[in-house]
Structure formats: C-alpha cells, structure tokens
Amino acid sequence: MAYLAKGNKPDLLSVCEEMGVEGRKRSKQEERQERNKREEREERTAREARQHELELRKLELSQQNQPLNDESGRKVEIGPKIQLTQITTKFHEKHDEISLYLINFERKAELAQVPKKNWMANLLEVLPAEISNILAREPTERANNYDFVKYLKLKRYRLNSEKLKQRFYRHQKSAENAWRNYAHELNSYFTEWIAEV
C-alpha cells in the first residue's frame, strides 16, 4: 500500500475504477471553494430579499401618511413616494411565468396606489424590447389599455397542453428551492395541463 502514496491523483483514480471503488474526485480545496460560492449566493439572495422587504415596508409606511391640506385647500401628501419600477423586477422570458408575473405586477401597482391608467407606462419599463415592439404596431388606444396588453401577452406566452405536459414530466427540484415549492410548481403545471386538455 505504501506505493500508492507516491501515485498521482489520476493514477489513483484509475486504480479505484479498476477495483470498483468510487474515489473522491474533488479536492477539499474545490469543495471549500464550492461551499464558499454557495454561501455567497445565499448571502446575496438574503441581502436582495431584505432590500425588497425594506422597499415594501417603506411603501407601506408612505401609504400610512395621511394627506394634508395646504393653505389653498389642496391636498398635499407627506412622505416618500416609491416608484413602481423600483419594486418591480424585469420580466425574463426564460425564468418567469407571464401569468404569475402579471399578478405580482398588479398587486404591486395597487400597493403603490398607481392608477390603472398609468400601469402601462410602468409595465413597458420592465418588459423585454420585443414585446414593446409588438405593442408599437398596435393602435395607441389598444396599446395603452392594460387589459388588452395583458390578454395579448397571455396569448403570446400561453403554454399549450403539450408544453405543459413536458414541463410537468421534466421539472426537477433545484437545490435552492424547498420541497414544498417543488410540489407547488408540479401541482401548478399539472393543473394547467389538465385545464388545457
């Protein structure tokens, strides 16, 4: 066995394969680096979540401030106003589901007390350029109508039953997500798939 101590790592791995023993292919340094990267990712995600919660809290506090009347009798709001685009993330076609994204957008718009007639201006800032180009081809009154644009986007990104079936069968749990989230995602795909059939 002493002769094995002088061998290179690739030689030792080949001996392990011949013996049918699975050798450790990663060094401790690689494992440490991977663990550090994972911890950095988790810290970044936690930091972003705290920042998001802080922004939502600021928004709630600004809504609690009652409007006051100035000398001329007009109502004046006191407190910081948070723009809807500050609390809304950009839409990514590969990662986001359009129906859930629109639900979240509507909730945030209502929370920020943005009038529905102004939703389109805020929505165009977070949509990809190609969707904006599609809307540019529509008449102005339709392009400024949130309900029409919502219908158009849902129609464009709507998954047919075959794609939903594939997503249901091929969906895998990611390391970051909890089992409860995984089960909810599978349930969503299954429910939508059955509804389409």
Protein backbone atom coordinates (compact mmCIF):
# COMPACT_ATOMS: atom_id res chain seq x y z
CA MET A 1 0.00 0.00 0.00
CA ALA A 2 2.91 2.37 0.56
CA TYR A 3 3.47 2.56 -3.21
CA LEU A 4 0.05 4.15 -3.63
CA ALA A 5 1.14 7.18 -1.60
CA LYS A 6 3.58 8.12 -4.37
CA GLY A 7 0.96 7.96 -7.15
CA ASN A 8 -0.63 10.92 -8.93
CA LYS A 9 -4.28 11.65 -8.42
CA PRO A 10 -5.27 10.46 -11.94
CA ASP A 11 -3.33 7.20 -11.35
CA LEU A 12 -5.06 6.66 -8.03
CA LEU A 13 -8.46 7.35 -9.58
CA SER A 14 -7.79 4.79 -12.33
CA VAL A 15 -6.78 2.20 -9.67
CA CYS A 16 -10.02 2.97 -7.83
CA GLU A 17 -12.02 2.44 -11.02
CA GLU A 18 -10.29 -0.90 -11.67
CA MET A 19 -11.10 -2.02 -8.15
CA GLY A 20 -14.68 -0.88 -8.47
CA VAL A 21 -14.32 1.68 -5.69
CA GLU A 22 -15.58 5.18 -6.27
CA GLY A 23 -12.82 7.63 -5.42
CA ARG A 24 -13.29 11.21 -4.33
CA LYS A 25 -12.79 13.23 -7.48
CA ARG A 26 -12.84 16.66 -5.89
CA SER A 27 -10.20 18.02 -3.61
CA LYS A 28 -11.01 19.64 -0.30
CA GLN A 29 -9.99 22.98 -1.75
CA GLU A 30 -12.53 22.58 -4.58
CA GLU A 31 -15.21 21.60 -2.08
CA ARG A 32 -14.33 24.63 0.08
CA GLN A 33 -14.48 26.92 -2.95
CA GLU A 34 -17.85 25.49 -3.97
CA ARG A 35 -19.16 25.87 -0.41
CA ASN A 36 -17.91 29.49 -0.33
CA LYS A 37 -19.63 30.23 -3.65
CA ARG A 38 -22.86 28.67 -2.40
CA GLU A 39 -22.69 30.70 0.82
CA GLU A 40 -22.03 33.90 -1.17
CA ARG A 41 -25.06 33.12 -3.37
CA GLU A 42 -27.22 32.55 -0.30
CA GLU A 43 -25.97 35.78 1.29
CA ARG A 44 -26.65 37.73 -1.91
CA THR A 45 -30.15 36.24 -2.15
CA ALA A 46 -30.82 37.06 1.51
CA ARG A 47 -29.49 40.61 1.02
CA GLU A 48 -31.75 41.11 -2.02
CA ALA A 49 -34.73 39.74 -0.08
CA ARG A 50 -34.00 42.11 2.83
CA GLN A 51 -33.71 45.03 0.40
CA HIS A 52 -37.03 44.06 -1.22
CA GLU A 53 -38.71 43.78 2.18
CA LEU A 54 -37.28 47.17 3.15
CA GLU A 55 -38.68 48.77 0.00
CA LEU A 56 -42.10 47.21 0.61
CA ARG A 57 -42.01 48.42 4.22
CA LYS A 58 -41.14 51.94 3.05
CA LEU A 59 -44.08 51.77 0.66
CA GLU A 60 -46.44 50.67 3.43
CA LEU A 61 -45.20 53.46 5.70
CA SER A 62 -45.63 56.04 2.96
CA GLN A 63 -49.23 54.87 2.47
CA GLN A 64 -49.98 55.31 6.16
CA ASN A 65 -49.18 59.02 5.95
CA GLN A 66 -52.44 60.90 5.62
CA PRO A 67 -52.68 63.68 3.05
CA LEU A 68 -52.78 67.17 4.50
CA ASN A 69 -54.38 70.34 3.21
CA ASP A 70 -52.14 73.30 2.41
CA GLU A 71 -53.21 76.96 2.67
CA SER A 72 -55.08 76.90 -0.64
CA GLY A 73 -57.10 73.82 0.35
CA ARG A 74 -55.34 71.37 -1.97
CA LYS A 75 -54.33 68.01 -0.59
CA VAL A 76 -50.59 67.54 -0.10
CA GLU A 77 -49.05 64.16 0.65
CA ILE A 78 -46.19 63.92 3.10
CA GLY A 79 -43.69 61.09 2.93
CA PRO A 80 -41.55 59.49 0.29
CA LYS A 81 -43.17 58.17 -2.85
CA ILE A 82 -41.79 54.91 -4.18
CA GLN A 83 -41.91 54.39 -7.90
CA LEU A 84 -43.49 51.16 -9.10
CA THR A 85 -40.40 50.37 -11.18
CA GLN A 86 -38.29 50.37 -8.02
CA ILE A 87 -40.20 47.43 -6.54
CA THR A 88 -40.90 45.57 -9.79
CA THR A 89 -38.32 43.25 -11.30
CA LYS A 90 -37.74 42.93 -15.04
CA PHE A 91 -39.61 40.16 -16.84
CA HIS A 92 -37.34 37.32 -18.05
CA GLU A 93 -38.94 35.05 -20.62
CA LYS A 94 -36.87 32.01 -19.66
CA HIS A 95 -37.38 32.21 -15.90
CA ASP A 96 -40.72 33.93 -15.27
CA GLU A 97 -44.22 32.71 -15.97
CA ILE A 98 -46.19 35.55 -17.54
CA SER A 99 -49.43 34.92 -15.65
CA LEU A 100 -47.72 34.95 -12.24
CA TYR A 101 -45.62 37.95 -13.24
CA LEU A 102 -48.72 39.95 -14.19
CA ILE A 103 -50.48 39.03 -10.94
CA ASN A 104 -47.47 40.25 -8.96
CA PHE A 105 -47.27 43.40 -11.07
CA GLU A 106 -50.95 44.19 -10.45
CA ARG A 107 -50.57 43.66 -6.70
CA LYS A 108 -47.53 45.91 -6.52
CA ALA A 109 -49.27 48.57 -8.61
CA GLU A 110 -52.25 48.53 -6.25
CA LEU A 111 -49.94 48.61 -3.24
CA ALA A 112 -48.12 51.64 -4.70
CA GLN A 113 -51.53 53.20 -5.41
CA VAL A 114 -50.74 53.73 -9.07
CA PRO A 115 -53.90 54.48 -11.09
CA LYS A 116 -54.71 51.76 -13.59
CA LYS A 117 -54.42 54.23 -16.48
CA ASN A 118 -50.68 54.60 -15.60
CA TRP A 119 -49.93 50.89 -15.35
CA MET A 120 -48.90 50.60 -19.00
CA ALA A 121 -46.15 53.21 -18.66
CA ASN A 122 -44.70 51.28 -15.72
CA LEU A 123 -45.16 47.90 -17.37
CA LEU A 124 -43.34 48.93 -20.55
CA GLU A 125 -40.24 49.70 -18.47
CA VAL A 126 -39.96 46.12 -17.19
CA LEU A 127 -40.91 44.23 -20.36
CA PRO A 128 -38.40 42.98 -22.95
CA ALA A 129 -37.89 45.15 -26.03
CA GLU A 130 -39.55 42.68 -28.40
CA ILE A 131 -42.85 42.91 -26.52
CA SER A 132 -42.64 46.68 -26.64
CA ASN A 133 -42.07 46.42 -30.40
CA ILE A 134 -45.20 44.27 -30.75
CA LEU A 135 -47.20 46.88 -28.85
CA ALA A 136 -45.81 49.64 -31.07
CA ARG A 137 -47.62 48.03 -34.01
CA GLU A 138 -50.97 48.23 -32.23
CA PRO A 139 -53.21 51.32 -32.30
CA THR A 140 -52.46 53.77 -29.48
CA GLU A 141 -55.75 53.27 -27.64
CA ARG A 142 -55.23 49.49 -27.57
CA ALA A 143 -51.54 49.72 -26.64
CA ASN A 144 -52.41 51.95 -23.67
CA ASN A 145 -55.16 49.61 -22.47
CA TYR A 146 -53.68 47.37 -19.76
CA ASP A 147 -56.37 44.69 -20.09
CA PHE A 148 -55.76 44.36 -23.84
CA VAL A 149 -51.99 44.15 -23.35
CA LYS A 150 -52.46 41.56 -20.61
CA TYR A 151 -54.62 39.46 -22.96
CA LEU A 152 -52.04 39.85 -25.75
CA LYS A 153 -49.14 38.76 -23.53
CA LEU A 154 -51.02 35.85 -22.03
CA LYS A 155 -51.93 34.71 -25.52
CA ARG A 156 -48.32 35.04 -26.73
CA TYR A 157 -46.73 33.23 -23.79
CA ARG A 158 -49.53 30.80 -23.08
CA LEU A 159 -48.22 27.27 -22.95
CA ASN A 160 -50.17 24.67 -24.87
CA SER A 161 -51.06 21.33 -23.31
CA GLU A 162 -48.04 19.53 -24.82
CA LYS A 163 -45.56 22.06 -23.41
CA LEU A 164 -47.25 21.91 -20.01
CA LYS A 165 -47.08 18.12 -20.10
CA GLN A 166 -43.35 18.30 -20.90
CA ARG A 167 -42.76 20.78 -18.09
CA PHE A 168 -44.64 18.54 -15.68
CA TYR A 169 -42.62 15.45 -16.60
CA ARG A 170 -39.21 17.16 -16.89
CA HIS A 171 -39.45 19.50 -13.91
CA GLN A 172 -36.73 18.87 -11.32
CA LYS A 173 -36.21 20.24 -7.86
CA SER A 174 -33.45 22.82 -7.70
CA ALA A 175 -31.08 22.89 -4.75
CA GLU A 176 -32.23 26.38 -3.69
CA ASN A 177 -35.95 25.56 -3.55
CA ALA A 178 -37.72 23.76 -0.75
CA TRP A 179 -39.71 20.58 -1.35
CA ARG A 180 -42.92 22.49 -0.67
CA ASN A 181 -42.13 24.90 -3.53
CA TYR A 182 -41.29 21.98 -5.80
CA ALA A 183 -44.61 20.30 -5.00
CA HIS A 184 -46.47 23.57 -5.65
CA GLU A 185 -44.71 24.02 -9.02
CA LEU A 186 -45.58 20.45 -10.05
CA ASN A 187 -49.17 20.96 -8.95
CA SER A 188 -49.37 24.19 -10.98
CA TYR A 189 -48.06 22.52 -14.12
CA PHE A 190 -50.41 19.57 -13.67
CA THR A 191 -53.46 21.76 -13.03
CA GLU A 192 -52.76 23.96 -16.06
CA TRP A 193 -52.05 20.91 -18.22
CA ILE A 194 -55.35 19.26 -17.28
CA ALA A 195 -57.24 22.54 -17.81
CA GLU A 196 -55.84 22.81 -21.33
CA VAL A 197 -56.86 19.25 -22.28
